[in-house]
Amino acid sequence: FAYLYGWLAPILVLLANVARAPGPIRYLTLVLL
């Protein structure tokens, strides 16, 4: 199951960058990944 939903972690990084989220949110996505 972890391998199944694990694809969400890099997608969060991608979405944060596409959305031009504030720096702290982008940083959180990278740390989470």
PDB file of all heavy atoms in Angstrom:
ATOM      1  N   PHE A   1       0.832  -1.202   0.000  1.00  0.00           N
ATOM      2  CA  PHE A   1       0.000   0.000   0.000  1.00  0.00           C
ATOM      3  C   PHE A   1       0.871   1.259   0.000  1.00  0.00           C
ATOM      4  O   PHE A   1       0.546   2.246  -0.659  1.00  0.00           O
ATOM      5  CB  PHE A   1      -0.963   0.004   1.199  1.00  0.00           C
ATOM      6  CG  PHE A   1      -1.896   1.180   1.197  1.00  0.00           C
ATOM      7  CD1 PHE A   1      -2.876   1.300   0.226  1.00  0.00           C
ATOM      8  CD2 PHE A   1      -1.782   2.177   2.151  1.00  0.00           C
ATOM      9  CE1 PHE A   1      -3.741   2.398   0.201  1.00  0.00           C
ATOM     10  CE2 PHE A   1      -2.637   3.272   2.149  1.00  0.00           C
ATOM     11  CZ  PHE A   1      -3.617   3.380   1.165  1.00  0.00           C
ATOM     12  N   ALA A   2       1.997   1.207   0.707  1.00  0.00           N
ATOM     13  CA  ALA A   2       2.907   2.362   0.728  1.00  0.00           C
ATOM     14  C   ALA A   2       3.430   2.655  -0.674  1.00  0.00           C
ATOM     15  O   ALA A   2       3.524   3.820  -1.086  1.00  0.00           O
ATOM     16  CB  ALA A   2       4.066   2.112   1.680  1.00  0.00           C
ATOM     17  N   TYR A   3       3.747   1.616  -1.418  1.00  0.00           N
ATOM     18  CA  TYR A   3       4.208   1.831  -2.787  1.00  0.00           C
ATOM     19  C   TYR A   3       3.077   2.339  -3.676  1.00  0.00           C
ATOM     20  O   TYR A   3       3.316   3.043  -4.645  1.00  0.00           O
ATOM     21  CB  TYR A   3       4.818   0.559  -3.365  1.00  0.00           C
ATOM     22  CG  TYR A   3       6.145   0.200  -2.729  1.00  0.00           C
ATOM     23  CD1 TYR A   3       6.392  -1.081  -2.266  1.00  0.00           C
ATOM     24  CD2 TYR A   3       7.158   1.148  -2.589  1.00  0.00           C
ATOM     25  CE1 TYR A   3       7.612  -1.410  -1.679  1.00  0.00           C
ATOM     26  CE2 TYR A   3       8.372   0.836  -1.997  1.00  0.00           C
ATOM     27  CZ  TYR A   3       8.596  -0.451  -1.554  1.00  0.00           C
ATOM     28  OH  TYR A   3       9.791  -0.762  -0.973  1.00  0.00           O
ATOM     29  N   LEU A   4       1.860   2.005  -3.336  1.00  0.00           N
ATOM     30  CA  LEU A   4       0.707   2.462  -4.111  1.00  0.00           C
ATOM     31  C   LEU A   4       0.461   3.961  -3.923  1.00  0.00           C
ATOM     32  O   LEU A   4       0.289   4.694  -4.882  1.00  0.00           O
ATOM     33  CB  LEU A   4      -0.543   1.666  -3.708  1.00  0.00           C
ATOM     34  CG  LEU A   4      -1.839   2.053  -4.407  1.00  0.00           C
ATOM     35  CD1 LEU A   4      -1.759   1.706  -5.889  1.00  0.00           C
ATOM     36  CD2 LEU A   4      -3.018   1.321  -3.766  1.00  0.00           C
ATOM     37  N   TYR A   5       0.458   4.430  -2.676  1.00  0.00           N
ATOM     38  CA  TYR A   5       0.177   5.852  -2.456  1.00  0.00           C
ATOM     39  C   TYR A   5       1.438   6.701  -2.421  1.00  0.00           C
ATOM     40  O   TYR A   5       1.360   7.936  -2.417  1.00  0.00           O
ATOM     41  CB  TYR A   5      -0.669   6.078  -1.198  1.00  0.00           C
ATOM     42  CG  TYR A   5       0.068   6.031   0.119  1.00  0.00           C
ATOM     43  CD1 TYR A   5       0.669   7.158   0.648  1.00  0.00           C
ATOM     44  CD2 TYR A   5       0.145   4.855   0.857  1.00  0.00           C
ATOM     45  CE1 TYR A   5       1.332   7.135   1.858  1.00  0.00           C
ATOM     46  CE2 TYR A   5       0.794   4.812   2.064  1.00  0.00           C
ATOM     47  CZ  TYR A   5       1.399   5.952   2.563  1.00  0.00           C
ATOM     48  OH  TYR A   5       2.056   5.917   3.762  1.00  0.00           O
ATOM     49  N   GLY A   6       2.590   6.073  -2.442  1.00  0.00           N
ATOM     50  CA  GLY A   6       3.856   6.813  -2.390  1.00  0.00           C
ATOM     51  C   GLY A   6       4.043   7.786  -3.539  1.00  0.00           C
ATOM     52  O   GLY A   6       4.757   8.780  -3.414  1.00  0.00           O
ATOM     53  N   TRP A   7       3.379   7.529  -4.663  1.00  0.00           N
ATOM     54  CA  TRP A   7       3.488   8.437  -5.801  1.00  0.00           C
ATOM     55  C   TRP A   7       2.945   9.823  -5.475  1.00  0.00           C
ATOM     56  O   TRP A   7       3.248  10.788  -6.160  1.00  0.00           O
ATOM     57  CB  TRP A   7       2.776   7.854  -7.023  1.00  0.00           C
ATOM     58  CG  TRP A   7       1.330   7.537  -6.792  1.00  0.00           C
ATOM     59  CD1 TRP A   7       0.806   6.349  -6.394  1.00  0.00           C
ATOM     60  CD2 TRP A   7       0.222   8.433  -6.913  1.00  0.00           C
ATOM     61  NE1 TRP A   7      -0.561   6.445  -6.253  1.00  0.00           N
ATOM     62  CE2 TRP A   7      -0.945   7.723  -6.572  1.00  0.00           C
ATOM     63  CE3 TRP A   7       0.102   9.779  -7.288  1.00  0.00           C
ATOM     64  CZ2 TRP A   7      -2.209   8.297  -6.574  1.00  0.00           C
ATOM     65  CZ3 TRP A   7      -1.163  10.344  -7.287  1.00  0.00           C
ATOM     66  CH2 TRP A   7      -2.302   9.604  -6.943  1.00  0.00           C
ATOM     67  N   LEU A   8       2.145   9.931  -4.418  1.00  0.00           N
ATOM     68  CA  LEU A   8       1.613  11.245  -4.050  1.00  0.00           C
ATOM     69  C   LEU A   8       2.712  12.193  -3.559  1.00  0.00           C
ATOM     70  O   LEU A   8       2.595  13.407  -3.731  1.00  0.00           O
ATOM     71  CB  LEU A   8       0.547  11.107  -2.957  1.00  0.00           C
ATOM     72  CG  LEU A   8      -0.830  10.659  -3.387  1.00  0.00           C
ATOM     73  CD1 LEU A   8      -1.702  10.361  -2.174  1.00  0.00           C
ATOM     74  CD2 LEU A   8      -1.484  11.686  -4.278  1.00  0.00           C
ATOM     75  N   ALA A   9       3.766  11.658  -2.960  1.00  0.00           N
ATOM     76  CA  ALA A   9       4.827  12.523  -2.416  1.00  0.00           C
ATOM     77  C   ALA A   9       5.484  13.370  -3.511  1.00  0.00           C
ATOM     78  O   ALA A   9       5.560  14.602  -3.369  1.00  0.00           O
ATOM     79  CB  ALA A   9       5.844  11.696  -1.639  1.00  0.00           C
ATOM     80  N   PRO A  10       5.957  12.780  -4.615  1.00  0.00           N
ATOM     81  CA  PRO A  10       6.521  13.660  -5.651  1.00  0.00           C
ATOM     82  C   PRO A  10       5.474  14.524  -6.342  1.00  0.00           C
ATOM     83  O   PRO A  10       5.774  15.630  -6.798  1.00  0.00           O
ATOM     84  CB  PRO A  10       7.176  12.687  -6.642  1.00  0.00           C
ATOM     85  CG  PRO A  10       6.636  11.346  -6.326  1.00  0.00           C
ATOM     86  CD  PRO A  10       6.173  11.369  -4.911  1.00  0.00           C
ATOM     87  N   ILE A  11       4.242  14.054  -6.385  1.00  0.00           N
ATOM     88  CA  ILE A  11       3.165  14.869  -6.986  1.00  0.00           C
ATOM     89  C   ILE A  11       2.921  16.115  -6.137  1.00  0.00           C
ATOM     90  O   ILE A  11       2.638  17.188  -6.676  1.00  0.00           O
ATOM     91  CB  ILE A  11       1.892  14.024  -7.153  1.00  0.00           C
ATOM     92  CG1 ILE A  11       2.180  12.945  -8.158  1.00  0.00           C
ATOM     93  CG2 ILE A  11       0.683  14.868  -7.455  1.00  0.00           C
ATOM     94  CD1 ILE A  11       1.197  12.609  -9.176  1.00  0.00           C
ATOM     95  N   LEU A  12       3.041  15.989  -4.819  1.00  0.00           N
ATOM     96  CA  LEU A  12       2.886  17.154  -3.947  1.00  0.00           C
ATOM     97  C   LEU A  12       3.956  18.201  -4.254  1.00  0.00           C
ATOM     98  O   LEU A  12       3.664  19.399  -4.303  1.00  0.00           O
ATOM     99  CB  LEU A  12       2.955  16.736  -2.473  1.00  0.00           C
ATOM    100  CG  LEU A  12       1.754  15.966  -1.946  1.00  0.00           C
ATOM    101  CD1 LEU A  12       2.068  15.361  -0.583  1.00  0.00           C
ATOM    102  CD2 LEU A  12       0.525  16.854  -1.874  1.00  0.00           C
ATOM    103  N   VAL A  13       5.186  17.750  -4.466  1.00  0.00           N
ATOM    104  CA  VAL A  13       6.271  18.673  -4.819  1.00  0.00           C
ATOM    105  C   VAL A  13       5.947  19.366  -6.136  1.00  0.00           C
ATOM    106  O   VAL A  13       6.073  20.591  -6.254  1.00  0.00           O
ATOM    107  CB  VAL A  13       7.622  17.926  -4.909  1.00  0.00           C
ATOM    108  CG1 VAL A  13       8.725  18.852  -5.420  1.00  0.00           C
ATOM    109  CG2 VAL A  13       8.003  17.326  -3.566  1.00  0.00           C
ATOM    110  N   LEU A  14       5.521  18.599  -7.109  1.00  0.00           N
ATOM    111  CA  LEU A  14       5.180  19.143  -8.422  1.00  0.00           C
ATOM    112  C   LEU A  14       4.041  20.162  -8.324  1.00  0.00           C
ATOM    113  O   LEU A  14       4.133  21.271  -8.868  1.00  0.00           O
ATOM    114  CB  LEU A  14       4.805  18.005  -9.370  1.00  0.00           C
ATOM    115  CG  LEU A  14       4.408  18.408 -10.785  1.00  0.00           C
ATOM    116  CD1 LEU A  14       5.598  18.996 -11.526  1.00  0.00           C
ATOM    117  CD2 LEU A  14       3.852  17.216 -11.530  1.00  0.00           C
ATOM    118  N   LEU A  15       2.967  19.791  -7.622  1.00  0.00           N
ATOM    119  CA  LEU A  15       1.823  20.701  -7.486  1.00  0.00           C
ATOM    120  C   LEU A  15       2.204  21.990  -6.759  1.00  0.00           C
ATOM    121  O   LEU A  15       1.740  23.072  -7.129  1.00  0.00           O
ATOM    122  CB  LEU A  15       0.669  20.003  -6.764  1.00  0.00           C
ATOM    123  CG  LEU A  15      -0.094  18.962  -7.575  1.00  0.00           C
ATOM    124  CD1 LEU A  15      -1.041  18.179  -6.680  1.00  0.00           C
ATOM    125  CD2 LEU A  15      -0.845  19.624  -8.716  1.00  0.00           C
ATOM    126  N   ALA A  16       3.026  21.870  -5.739  1.00  0.00           N
ATOM    127  CA  ALA A  16       3.453  23.068  -4.995  1.00  0.00           C
ATOM    128  C   ALA A  16       4.214  24.025  -5.902  1.00  0.00           C
ATOM    129  O   ALA A  16       4.056  25.245  -5.808  1.00  0.00           O
ATOM    130  CB  ALA A  16       4.301  22.668  -3.791  1.00  0.00           C
ATOM    131  N   ASN A  17       5.025  23.473  -6.784  1.00  0.00           N
ATOM    132  CA  ASN A  17       5.780  24.320  -7.700  1.00  0.00           C
ATOM    133  C   ASN A  17       4.904  24.901  -8.797  1.00  0.00           C
ATOM    134  O   ASN A  17       5.023  26.076  -9.131  1.00  0.00           O
ATOM    135  CB  ASN A  17       6.962  23.546  -8.286  1.00  0.00           C
ATOM    136  CG  ASN A  17       8.076  23.407  -7.279  1.00  0.00           C
ATOM    137  OD1 ASN A  17       8.602  24.396  -6.794  1.00  0.00           O
ATOM    138  ND2 ASN A  17       8.411  22.185  -6.930  1.00  0.00           N
ATOM    139  N   VAL A  18       4.017  24.097  -9.358  1.00  0.00           N
ATOM    140  CA  VAL A  18       3.119  24.584 -10.408  1.00  0.00           C
ATOM    141  C   VAL A  18       2.192  25.667  -9.852  1.00  0.00           C
ATOM    142  O   VAL A  18       1.916  26.669 -10.513  1.00  0.00           O
ATOM    143  CB  VAL A  18       2.306  23.424 -11.026  1.00  0.00           C
ATOM    144  CG1 VAL A  18       1.187  23.931 -11.910  1.00  0.00           C
ATOM    145  CG2 VAL A  18       3.224  22.492 -11.801  1.00  0.00           C
ATOM    146  N   ALA A  19       1.721  25.466  -8.623  1.00  0.00           N
ATOM    147  CA  ALA A  19       0.814  26.428  -7.998  1.00  0.00           C
ATOM    148  C   ALA A  19       1.547  27.675  -7.491  1.00  0.00           C
ATOM    149  O   ALA A  19       0.911  28.617  -7.032  1.00  0.00           O
ATOM    150  CB  ALA A  19       0.069  25.769  -6.839  1.00  0.00           C
ATOM    151  N   ARG A  20       2.861  27.646  -7.557  1.00  0.00           N
ATOM    152  CA  ARG A  20       3.677  28.737  -7.009  1.00  0.00           C
ATOM    153  C   ARG A  20       3.327  28.989  -5.546  1.00  0.00           C
ATOM    154  O   ARG A  20       3.091  30.130  -5.119  1.00  0.00           O
ATOM    155  CB  ARG A  20       3.527  30.002  -7.846  1.00  0.00           C
ATOM    156  CG  ARG A  20       4.040  29.856  -9.252  1.00  0.00           C
ATOM    157  CD  ARG A  20       3.967  31.173 -10.001  1.00  0.00           C
ATOM    158  NE  ARG A  20       4.083  30.938 -11.422  1.00  0.00           N
ATOM    159  CZ  ARG A  20       3.052  31.018 -12.270  1.00  0.00           C
ATOM    160  NH1 ARG A  20       1.853  31.338 -11.844  1.00  0.00           N
ATOM    161  NH2 ARG A  20       3.225  30.794 -13.550  1.00  0.00           N
ATOM    162  N   ALA A  21       3.280  27.890  -4.810  1.00  0.00           N
ATOM    163  CA  ALA A  21       2.982  27.971  -3.379  1.00  0.00           C
ATOM    164  C   ALA A  21       4.098  28.738  -2.676  1.00  0.00           C
ATOM    165  O   ALA A  21       5.233  28.781  -3.166  1.00  0.00           O
ATOM    166  CB  ALA A  21       2.844  26.569  -2.789  1.00  0.00           C
ATOM    167  N   PRO A  22       3.786  29.314  -1.532  1.00  0.00           N
ATOM    168  CA  PRO A  22       4.823  30.012  -0.766  1.00  0.00           C
ATOM    169  C   PRO A  22       5.984  29.074  -0.427  1.00  0.00           C
ATOM    170  O   PRO A  22       5.807  27.858  -0.302  1.00  0.00           O
ATOM    171  CB  PRO A  22       4.091  30.456   0.503  1.00  0.00           C
ATOM    172  CG  PRO A  22       2.642  30.469   0.128  1.00  0.00           C
ATOM    173  CD  PRO A  22       2.473  29.396  -0.904  1.00  0.00           C
ATOM    174  N   GLY A  23       7.141  29.650  -0.256  1.00  0.00           N
ATOM    175  CA  GLY A  23       8.351  28.882   0.032  1.00  0.00           C
ATOM    176  C   GLY A  23       8.211  27.849   1.136  1.00  0.00           C
ATOM    177  O   GLY A  23       8.641  26.701   0.970  1.00  0.00           O
ATOM    178  N   PRO A  24       7.621  28.211   2.284  1.00  0.00           N
ATOM    179  CA  PRO A  24       7.505  27.217   3.356  1.00  0.00           C
ATOM    180  C   PRO A  24       6.687  25.979   2.959  1.00  0.00           C
ATOM    181  O   PRO A  24       7.008  24.873   3.362  1.00  0.00           O
ATOM    182  CB  PRO A  24       6.817  27.990   4.485  1.00  0.00           C
ATOM    183  CG  PRO A  24       7.178  29.417   4.244  1.00  0.00           C
ATOM    184  CD  PRO A  24       7.235  29.557   2.744  1.00  0.00           C
ATOM    185  N   ILE A  25       5.662  26.176   2.149  1.00  0.00           N
ATOM    186  CA  ILE A  25       4.858  25.029   1.701  1.00  0.00           C
ATOM    187  C   ILE A  25       5.681  24.173   0.741  1.00  0.00           C
ATOM    188  O   ILE A  25       5.683  22.941   0.840  1.00  0.00           O
ATOM    189  CB  ILE A  25       3.534  25.498   1.066  1.00  0.00           C
ATOM    190  CG1 ILE A  25       2.624  26.091   2.140  1.00  0.00           C
ATOM    191  CG2 ILE A  25       2.839  24.352   0.336  1.00  0.00           C
ATOM    192  CD1 ILE A  25       1.329  26.677   1.623  1.00  0.00           C
ATOM    193  N   ARG A  26       6.414  24.801  -0.151  1.00  0.00           N
ATOM    194  CA  ARG A  26       7.279  24.045  -1.068  1.00  0.00           C
ATOM    195  C   ARG A  26       8.320  23.261  -0.289  1.00  0.00           C
ATOM    196  O   ARG A  26       8.612  22.105  -0.597  1.00  0.00           O
ATOM    197  CB  ARG A  26       7.973  24.983  -2.054  1.00  0.00           C
ATOM    198  CG  ARG A  26       7.066  25.587  -3.066  1.00  0.00           C
ATOM    199  CD  ARG A  26       7.878  26.369  -4.060  1.00  0.00           C
ATOM    200  NE  ARG A  26       7.060  27.326  -4.777  1.00  0.00           N
ATOM    201  CZ  ARG A  26       7.470  27.983  -5.834  1.00  0.00           C
ATOM    202  NH1 ARG A  26       8.678  27.797  -6.311  1.00  0.00           N
ATOM    203  NH2 ARG A  26       6.679  28.831  -6.438  1.00  0.00           N
ATOM    204  N   TYR A  27       8.893  23.898   0.721  1.00  0.00           N
ATOM    205  CA  TYR A  27       9.900  23.238   1.559  1.00  0.00           C
ATOM    206  C   TYR A  27       9.301  22.018   2.260  1.00  0.00           C
ATOM    207  O   TYR A  27       9.930  20.955   2.307  1.00  0.00           O
ATOM    208  CB  TYR A  27      10.446  24.250   2.579  1.00  0.00           C
ATOM    209  CG  TYR A  27      11.438  23.652   3.536  1.00  0.00           C
ATOM    210  CD1 TYR A  27      12.738  23.345   3.126  1.00  0.00           C
ATOM    211  CD2 TYR A  27      11.086  23.396   4.858  1.00  0.00           C
ATOM    212  CE1 TYR A  27      13.655  22.800   4.006  1.00  0.00           C
ATOM    213  CE2 TYR A  27      11.999  22.846   5.738  1.00  0.00           C
ATOM    214  CZ  TYR A  27      13.280  22.545   5.310  1.00  0.00           C
ATOM    215  OH  TYR A  27      14.178  21.987   6.182  1.00  0.00           O
ATOM    216  N   LEU A  28       8.091  22.160   2.789  1.00  0.00           N
ATOM    217  CA  LEU A  28       7.441  21.030   3.456  1.00  0.00           C
ATOM    218  C   LEU A  28       7.250  19.854   2.505  1.00  0.00           C
ATOM    219  O   LEU A  28       7.413  18.696   2.900  1.00  0.00           O
ATOM    220  CB  LEU A  28       6.089  21.453   4.043  1.00  0.00           C
ATOM    221  CG  LEU A  28       6.120  22.343   5.278  1.00  0.00           C
ATOM    222  CD1 LEU A  28       4.703  22.801   5.639  1.00  0.00           C
ATOM    223  CD2 LEU A  28       6.762  21.627   6.446  1.00  0.00           C
ATOM    224  N   THR A  29       6.897  20.137   1.247  1.00  0.00           N
ATOM    225  CA  THR A  29       6.712  19.033   0.299  1.00  0.00           C
ATOM    226  C   THR A  29       8.035  18.318   0.035  1.00  0.00           C
ATOM    227  O   THR A  29       8.057  17.088  -0.078  1.00  0.00           O
ATOM    228  CB  THR A  29       6.103  19.511  -1.042  1.00  0.00           C
ATOM    229  OG1 THR A  29       6.986  20.425  -1.691  1.00  0.00           O
ATOM    230  CG2 THR A  29       4.740  20.143  -0.839  1.00  0.00           C
ATOM    231  N   LEU A  30       9.115  19.062  -0.041  1.00  0.00           N
ATOM    232  CA  LEU A  30      10.426  18.445  -0.265  1.00  0.00           C
ATOM    233  C   LEU A  30      10.865  17.600   0.935  1.00  0.00           C
ATOM    234  O   LEU A  30      11.388  16.495   0.759  1.00  0.00           O
ATOM    235  CB  LEU A  30      11.477  19.515  -0.568  1.00  0.00           C
ATOM    236  CG  LEU A  30      11.359  20.187  -1.926  1.00  0.00           C
ATOM    237  CD1 LEU A  30      12.301  21.389  -2.017  1.00  0.00           C
ATOM    238  CD2 LEU A  30      11.644  19.192  -3.034  1.00  0.00           C
ATOM    239  N   VAL A  31      10.643  18.125   2.130  1.00  0.00           N
ATOM    240  CA  VAL A  31      11.001  17.365   3.338  1.00  0.00           C
ATOM    241  C   VAL A  31      10.149  16.102   3.429  1.00  0.00           C
ATOM    242  O   VAL A  31      10.656  15.020   3.748  1.00  0.00           O
ATOM    243  CB  VAL A  31      10.860  18.239   4.606  1.00  0.00           C
ATOM    244  CG1 VAL A  31      11.064  17.401   5.868  1.00  0.00           C
ATOM    245  CG2 VAL A  31      11.854  19.393   4.569  1.00  0.00           C
ATOM    246  N   LEU A  32       8.865  16.231   3.118  1.00  0.00           N
ATOM    247  CA  LEU A  32       7.977  15.064   3.139  1.00  0.00           C
ATOM    248  C   LEU A  32       8.451  14.009   2.141  1.00  0.00           C
ATOM    249  O   LEU A  32       8.495  12.820   2.459  1.00  0.00           O
ATOM    250  CB  LEU A  32       6.541  15.489   2.835  1.00  0.00           C
ATOM    251  CG  LEU A  32       5.484  14.397   2.925  1.00  0.00           C
ATOM    252  CD1 LEU A  32       5.364  13.875   4.356  1.00  0.00           C
ATOM    253  CD2 LEU A  32       4.143  14.927   2.457  1.00  0.00           C
ATOM    254  N   LEU A  33       8.821  14.431   0.957  1.00  0.00           N
ATOM    255  CA  LEU A  33       9.336  13.501  -0.052  1.00  0.00           C
ATOM    256  C   LEU A  33      10.602  12.810   0.461  1.00  0.00           C
ATOM    257  O   LEU A  33      10.756  11.589   0.326  1.00  0.00           O
ATOM    258  CB  LEU A  33       9.625  14.236  -1.362  1.00  0.00           C
ATOM    259  CG  LEU A  33      10.248  13.405  -2.483  1.00  0.00           C
ATOM    260  CD1 LEU A  33       9.324  12.263  -2.905  1.00  0.00           C
ATOM    261  CD2 LEU A  33      10.590  14.300  -3.667  1.00  0.00           C
TER     262      LEU A  33
END
